[in-house]
Amino acid sequence: MEFCPNCDRYMTKYVHDDRRIMFKCNTCMQEIDGSDSDSLWFSQTNTRENMRDAIIIERAGHDFAGKRVLYDCQECPYKRRYLTLVRKVDATIVYVCAACGAQYDHHMQKQKINE
């Protein structure tokens, strides 16, 4: 996180055309170069988003407010008839069984756990 040396406002991080990380103040429009450690920000963001999606999908079957879809779970020993629909941030859809945790894609094909 960087603050503008002129107006002490928060600066926004972005990648310049020549692949340098830059910080820009949205108030006075001053730009400053980022350091080497600022490049770690992009990889950490993707890792956090993937972990968040995995946790949401893992717990979706137990979410009573989630949208339920009538479909027989093929893996479930309890023969559940309803799956919970989860729409990820990237607009992909995953269906999750509350009893056994089986996951299906939008074609109702079985997915690998932790995908």
N, C-alpha and C. Protein backbone atom coordinates (compact mmCIF):
# COMPACT_ATOMS: atom_id res chain seq x y z
N MET A 1 0.85 -1.16 0.00
CA MET A 1 0.00 0.00 0.00
C MET A 1 0.90 1.23 0.00
N GLU A 2 0.62 2.14 -0.90
CA GLU A 2 1.41 3.35 -1.02
C GLU A 2 0.51 4.57 -0.86
N PHE A 3 1.10 5.64 -0.35
CA PHE A 3 0.39 6.90 -0.21
C PHE A 3 1.13 7.96 -1.00
N CYS A 4 0.38 8.87 -1.58
CA CYS A 4 0.94 9.92 -2.43
C CYS A 4 1.83 10.86 -1.62
N PRO A 5 3.04 11.15 -2.12
CA PRO A 5 3.92 12.08 -1.40
C PRO A 5 3.43 13.53 -1.45
N ASN A 6 2.56 13.86 -2.42
CA ASN A 6 2.05 15.24 -2.54
C ASN A 6 0.83 15.49 -1.65
N CYS A 7 -0.18 14.60 -1.75
CA CYS A 7 -1.45 14.87 -1.08
C CYS A 7 -1.81 13.85 -0.01
N ASP A 8 -0.96 12.87 0.24
CA ASP A 8 -1.16 11.84 1.26
C ASP A 8 -2.42 11.00 1.05
N ARG A 9 -2.83 10.84 -0.18
CA ARG A 9 -3.98 9.99 -0.50
C ARG A 9 -3.50 8.59 -0.88
N TYR A 10 -4.42 7.62 -0.80
CA TYR A 10 -4.12 6.25 -1.18
C TYR A 10 -3.83 6.17 -2.68
N MET A 11 -2.81 5.41 -3.08
CA MET A 11 -2.45 5.26 -4.49
C MET A 11 -2.87 3.89 -4.98
N THR A 12 -3.35 3.83 -6.20
CA THR A 12 -3.82 2.61 -6.83
C THR A 12 -2.67 1.92 -7.56
N LYS A 13 -2.55 0.61 -7.40
CA LYS A 13 -1.49 -0.17 -8.04
C LYS A 13 -1.99 -0.66 -9.40
N TYR A 14 -1.14 -0.57 -10.42
CA TYR A 14 -1.48 -1.09 -11.74
C TYR A 14 -0.20 -1.50 -12.46
N VAL A 15 -0.35 -2.23 -13.57
CA VAL A 15 0.79 -2.67 -14.37
C VAL A 15 0.88 -1.78 -15.60
N HIS A 16 2.02 -1.15 -15.79
CA HIS A 16 2.25 -0.25 -16.91
C HIS A 16 2.40 -1.08 -18.19
N ASP A 17 2.34 -0.44 -19.35
CA ASP A 17 2.46 -1.13 -20.64
C ASP A 17 3.77 -1.90 -20.79
N ASP A 18 4.84 -1.39 -20.20
CA ASP A 18 6.13 -2.08 -20.29
C ASP A 18 6.35 -3.06 -19.13
N ARG A 19 5.26 -3.50 -18.49
CA ARG A 19 5.23 -4.52 -17.44
C ARG A 19 5.88 -4.09 -16.13
N ARG A 20 5.95 -2.80 -15.89
CA ARG A 20 6.42 -2.30 -14.60
C ARG A 20 5.22 -2.08 -13.70
N ILE A 21 5.39 -2.31 -12.43
CA ILE A 21 4.32 -2.03 -11.47
C ILE A 21 4.43 -0.57 -11.06
N MET A 22 3.31 0.11 -11.16
CA MET A 22 3.27 1.55 -10.87
C MET A 22 2.17 1.82 -9.85
N PHE A 23 2.31 2.94 -9.15
CA PHE A 23 1.28 3.44 -8.25
C PHE A 23 0.83 4.80 -8.77
N LYS A 24 -0.50 5.01 -8.78
CA LYS A 24 -1.03 6.27 -9.29
C LYS A 24 -2.00 6.87 -8.29
N CYS A 25 -1.87 8.15 -8.05
CA CYS A 25 -2.78 8.87 -7.17
C CYS A 25 -3.97 9.34 -8.00
N ASN A 26 -5.17 9.00 -7.59
CA ASN A 26 -6.36 9.39 -8.34
C ASN A 26 -6.76 10.84 -8.06
N THR A 27 -6.13 11.49 -7.10
CA THR A 27 -6.45 12.88 -6.78
C THR A 27 -5.57 13.84 -7.58
N CYS A 28 -4.24 13.71 -7.41
CA CYS A 28 -3.33 14.63 -8.10
C CYS A 28 -2.67 14.02 -9.33
N MET A 29 -2.94 12.76 -9.62
CA MET A 29 -2.47 12.03 -10.80
C MET A 29 -0.97 11.79 -10.84
N GLN A 30 -0.30 11.89 -9.73
CA GLN A 30 1.13 11.60 -9.69
C GLN A 30 1.34 10.10 -9.74
N GLU A 31 2.39 9.66 -10.44
CA GLU A 31 2.73 8.24 -10.55
C GLU A 31 4.11 8.01 -9.96
N ILE A 32 4.27 6.86 -9.28
CA ILE A 32 5.59 6.45 -8.79
C ILE A 32 5.80 4.99 -9.12
N ASP A 33 7.08 4.61 -9.26
CA ASP A 33 7.43 3.22 -9.56
C ASP A 33 7.27 2.35 -8.33
N GLY A 34 6.86 1.10 -8.57
CA GLY A 34 6.78 0.12 -7.50
C GLY A 34 8.11 -0.58 -7.32
N SER A 35 8.25 -1.29 -6.21
CA SER A 35 9.49 -2.02 -5.95
C SER A 35 9.33 -3.48 -6.37
N ASP A 36 10.41 -4.25 -6.23
CA ASP A 36 10.37 -5.67 -6.60
C ASP A 36 9.39 -6.45 -5.74
N SER A 37 9.26 -6.10 -4.48
CA SER A 37 8.34 -6.83 -3.59
C SER A 37 6.88 -6.60 -3.94
N ASP A 38 6.57 -5.53 -4.66
CA ASP A 38 5.18 -5.27 -5.06
C ASP A 38 4.69 -6.26 -6.10
N SER A 39 5.58 -6.96 -6.78
CA SER A 39 5.17 -7.94 -7.78
C SER A 39 4.52 -9.17 -7.15
N LEU A 40 4.76 -9.41 -5.86
CA LEU A 40 4.15 -10.56 -5.17
C LEU A 40 2.65 -10.38 -4.99
N TRP A 41 2.17 -9.19 -5.07
CA TRP A 41 0.76 -8.88 -4.86
C TRP A 41 -0.15 -9.66 -5.79
N PHE A 42 0.22 -9.81 -7.07
CA PHE A 42 -0.64 -10.48 -8.03
C PHE A 42 -0.76 -11.97 -7.75
N SER A 43 0.32 -12.64 -7.42
CA SER A 43 0.26 -14.07 -7.15
C SER A 43 -0.49 -14.35 -5.86
N GLN A 44 -0.35 -13.50 -4.85
CA GLN A 44 -1.06 -13.71 -3.59
C GLN A 44 -2.56 -13.50 -3.77
N THR A 45 -2.97 -12.57 -4.60
CA THR A 45 -4.39 -12.33 -4.84
C THR A 45 -5.04 -13.55 -5.46
N ASN A 46 -4.41 -14.14 -6.47
CA ASN A 46 -4.97 -15.32 -7.12
C ASN A 46 -5.06 -16.49 -6.16
N THR A 47 -4.06 -16.67 -5.31
CA THR A 47 -4.08 -17.76 -4.35
C THR A 47 -5.21 -17.58 -3.36
N ARG A 48 -5.40 -16.37 -2.87
CA ARG A 48 -6.49 -16.11 -1.93
C ARG A 48 -7.85 -16.35 -2.56
N GLU A 49 -8.03 -15.93 -3.81
CA GLU A 49 -9.31 -16.14 -4.50
C GLU A 49 -9.58 -17.62 -4.69
N ASN A 50 -8.56 -18.39 -5.06
CA ASN A 50 -8.75 -19.82 -5.24
C ASN A 50 -9.09 -20.51 -3.93
N MET A 51 -8.44 -20.09 -2.84
CA MET A 51 -8.75 -20.67 -1.53
C MET A 51 -10.18 -20.31 -1.12
N ARG A 52 -10.58 -19.08 -1.36
CA ARG A 52 -11.93 -18.64 -1.01
C ARG A 52 -12.97 -19.45 -1.79
N ASP A 53 -12.76 -19.64 -3.09
CA ASP A 53 -13.68 -20.44 -3.90
C ASP A 53 -13.76 -21.87 -3.40
N ALA A 54 -12.61 -22.45 -3.04
CA ALA A 54 -12.60 -23.83 -2.56
C ALA A 54 -13.38 -23.96 -1.25
N ILE A 55 -13.24 -22.99 -0.35
CA ILE A 55 -13.97 -23.04 0.92
C ILE A 55 -15.47 -22.87 0.69
N ILE A 56 -15.85 -21.95 -0.18
CA ILE A 56 -17.27 -21.73 -0.46
C ILE A 56 -17.89 -22.98 -1.07
N ILE A 57 -17.19 -23.61 -2.01
CA ILE A 57 -17.73 -24.82 -2.65
C ILE A 57 -17.80 -25.97 -1.64
N GLU A 58 -16.80 -26.08 -0.80
CA GLU A 58 -16.79 -27.15 0.20
C GLU A 58 -17.98 -27.04 1.16
N ARG A 59 -18.33 -25.82 1.53
CA ARG A 59 -19.40 -25.62 2.51
C ARG A 59 -20.77 -25.35 1.89
N ALA A 60 -20.86 -25.30 0.58
CA ALA A 60 -22.10 -24.93 -0.10
C ALA A 60 -23.24 -25.91 0.16
N GLY A 61 -22.94 -27.17 0.28
CA GLY A 61 -23.99 -28.16 0.51
C GLY A 61 -24.73 -27.96 1.81
N HIS A 62 -24.11 -27.31 2.77
CA HIS A 62 -24.72 -27.08 4.07
C HIS A 62 -25.34 -25.70 4.20
N ASP A 63 -25.33 -24.93 3.12
CA ASP A 63 -25.90 -23.58 3.12
C ASP A 63 -27.39 -23.67 2.82
N PHE A 64 -28.21 -23.35 3.82
CA PHE A 64 -29.65 -23.46 3.66
C PHE A 64 -30.22 -22.36 2.77
N ALA A 65 -29.48 -21.28 2.58
CA ALA A 65 -29.95 -20.19 1.73
C ALA A 65 -29.53 -20.38 0.28
N GLY A 66 -28.72 -21.40 -0.01
CA GLY A 66 -28.25 -21.62 -1.37
C GLY A 66 -29.36 -22.14 -2.27
N LYS A 67 -29.21 -21.90 -3.56
CA LYS A 67 -30.19 -22.37 -4.55
C LYS A 67 -30.06 -23.88 -4.71
N ARG A 68 -31.18 -24.58 -4.56
CA ARG A 68 -31.20 -26.04 -4.70
C ARG A 68 -31.70 -26.42 -6.08
N VAL A 69 -31.11 -27.47 -6.64
CA VAL A 69 -31.46 -27.95 -7.97
C VAL A 69 -31.85 -29.42 -7.86
N LEU A 70 -32.96 -29.80 -8.50
CA LEU A 70 -33.40 -31.19 -8.46
C LEU A 70 -32.53 -32.02 -9.41
N TYR A 71 -31.70 -32.88 -8.81
CA TYR A 71 -30.81 -33.76 -9.57
C TYR A 71 -30.35 -34.87 -8.63
N ASP A 72 -30.35 -36.09 -9.10
CA ASP A 72 -29.90 -37.22 -8.28
C ASP A 72 -28.38 -37.26 -8.26
N CYS A 73 -27.81 -37.25 -7.06
CA CYS A 73 -26.36 -37.37 -6.91
C CYS A 73 -25.97 -38.80 -7.24
N GLN A 74 -25.04 -38.96 -8.16
CA GLN A 74 -24.62 -40.29 -8.60
C GLN A 74 -23.66 -40.96 -7.63
N GLU A 75 -22.97 -40.19 -6.80
CA GLU A 75 -21.96 -40.72 -5.89
C GLU A 75 -22.49 -40.96 -4.49
N CYS A 76 -23.63 -40.38 -4.17
CA CYS A 76 -24.11 -40.32 -2.80
C CYS A 76 -24.70 -41.65 -2.33
N PRO A 77 -24.24 -42.17 -1.19
CA PRO A 77 -24.84 -43.38 -0.64
C PRO A 77 -26.25 -43.12 -0.08
N TYR A 78 -26.57 -41.85 0.17
CA TYR A 78 -27.89 -41.49 0.70
C TYR A 78 -28.89 -41.18 -0.40
N LYS A 79 -28.46 -41.19 -1.65
CA LYS A 79 -29.30 -40.93 -2.82
C LYS A 79 -30.01 -39.58 -2.71
N ARG A 80 -29.24 -38.54 -2.42
CA ARG A 80 -29.81 -37.20 -2.33
C ARG A 80 -30.38 -36.78 -3.68
N ARG A 81 -31.49 -36.07 -3.64
CA ARG A 81 -32.14 -35.65 -4.87
C ARG A 81 -31.89 -34.19 -5.20
N TYR A 82 -31.32 -33.44 -4.27
CA TYR A 82 -31.09 -32.01 -4.52
C TYR A 82 -29.61 -31.68 -4.36
N LEU A 83 -29.12 -30.85 -5.25
CA LEU A 83 -27.75 -30.35 -5.18
C LEU A 83 -27.81 -28.83 -5.02
N THR A 84 -26.78 -28.27 -4.41
CA THR A 84 -26.70 -26.82 -4.23
C THR A 84 -25.89 -26.22 -5.37
N LEU A 85 -26.45 -25.17 -5.99
CA LEU A 85 -25.79 -24.48 -7.09
C LEU A 85 -24.87 -23.39 -6.53
N VAL A 86 -23.64 -23.37 -7.01
CA VAL A 86 -22.67 -22.33 -6.63
C VAL A 86 -22.17 -21.69 -7.91
N ARG A 87 -22.28 -20.36 -7.97
CA ARG A 87 -21.76 -19.62 -9.12
C ARG A 87 -20.53 -18.86 -8.64
N LYS A 88 -19.35 -19.22 -9.21
CA LYS A 88 -18.10 -18.60 -8.80
C LYS A 88 -17.98 -17.20 -9.40
N VAL A 89 -16.97 -16.47 -8.96
CA VAL A 89 -16.76 -15.11 -9.43
C VAL A 89 -16.49 -15.09 -10.93
N ASP A 90 -15.80 -16.11 -11.46
CA ASP A 90 -15.52 -16.16 -12.89
C ASP A 90 -16.68 -16.73 -13.71
N ALA A 91 -17.88 -16.82 -13.10
CA ALA A 91 -19.14 -17.22 -13.73
C ALA A 91 -19.24 -18.71 -14.03
N THR A 92 -18.31 -19.53 -13.57
CA THR A 92 -18.48 -20.97 -13.73
C THR A 92 -19.44 -21.48 -12.66
N ILE A 93 -20.15 -22.53 -12.99
CA ILE A 93 -21.17 -23.07 -12.10
C ILE A 93 -20.72 -24.43 -11.59
N VAL A 94 -20.90 -24.66 -10.30
CA VAL A 94 -20.58 -25.93 -9.67
C VAL A 94 -21.79 -26.35 -8.85
N TYR A 95 -22.15 -27.64 -8.93
CA TYR A 95 -23.23 -28.20 -8.12
C TYR A 95 -22.60 -29.08 -7.04
N VAL A 96 -23.06 -28.96 -5.79
CA VAL A 96 -22.46 -29.67 -4.67
C VAL A 96 -23.53 -30.46 -3.92
N CYS A 97 -23.23 -31.72 -3.59
CA CYS A 97 -24.11 -32.56 -2.79
C CYS A 97 -23.82 -32.30 -1.31
N ALA A 98 -24.87 -32.09 -0.52
CA ALA A 98 -24.69 -31.80 0.91
C ALA A 98 -24.25 -33.04 1.69
N ALA A 99 -24.66 -34.20 1.26
CA ALA A 99 -24.37 -35.41 2.03
C ALA A 99 -22.96 -35.93 1.80
N CYS A 100 -22.54 -36.07 0.55
CA CYS A 100 -21.24 -36.68 0.28
C CYS A 100 -20.19 -35.71 -0.22
N GLY A 101 -20.57 -34.48 -0.58
CA GLY A 101 -19.61 -33.49 -1.04
C GLY A 101 -19.22 -33.62 -2.50
N ALA A 102 -19.90 -34.48 -3.27
CA ALA A 102 -19.58 -34.63 -4.68
C ALA A 102 -19.84 -33.31 -5.41
N GLN A 103 -18.98 -33.02 -6.39
CA GLN A 103 -19.10 -31.79 -7.15
C GLN A 103 -19.30 -32.12 -8.62
N TYR A 104 -20.19 -31.35 -9.27
CA TYR A 104 -20.50 -31.55 -10.68
C TYR A 104 -20.37 -30.21 -11.40
N ASP A 105 -19.96 -30.25 -12.68
CA ASP A 105 -19.90 -29.01 -13.46
C ASP A 105 -21.27 -28.73 -14.08
N HIS A 106 -21.35 -27.74 -14.95
CA HIS A 106 -22.64 -27.35 -15.52
C HIS A 106 -23.21 -28.38 -16.49
N HIS A 107 -22.41 -29.36 -16.92
CA HIS A 107 -22.90 -30.46 -17.75
C HIS A 107 -23.25 -31.69 -16.91
N MET A 108 -23.23 -31.51 -15.58
CA MET A 108 -23.48 -32.57 -14.61
C MET A 108 -22.46 -33.70 -14.73
N GLN A 109 -21.23 -33.35 -15.07
CA GLN A 109 -20.12 -34.29 -15.09
C GLN A 109 -19.40 -34.16 -13.75
N LYS A 110 -18.98 -35.28 -13.19
CA LYS A 110 -18.31 -35.29 -11.89
C LYS A 110 -17.00 -34.53 -11.98
N GLN A 111 -16.73 -33.68 -10.99
CA GLN A 111 -15.48 -32.94 -10.93
C GLN A 111 -14.59 -33.53 -9.86
N LYS A 112 -13.30 -33.26 -9.99
CA LYS A 112 -12.36 -33.67 -8.95
C LYS A 112 -12.50 -32.71 -7.78
N ILE A 113 -12.34 -33.23 -6.57
CA ILE A 113 -12.36 -32.38 -5.38
C ILE A 113 -11.11 -31.51 -5.40
N ASN A 114 -11.26 -30.27 -4.90
CA ASN A 114 -10.17 -29.27 -4.85
C ASN A 114 -9.69 -28.88 -6.21
N GLU A 115 -10.58 -28.80 -7.18
CA GLU A 115 -10.19 -28.40 -8.53
C GLU A 115 -10.23 -26.90 -8.65
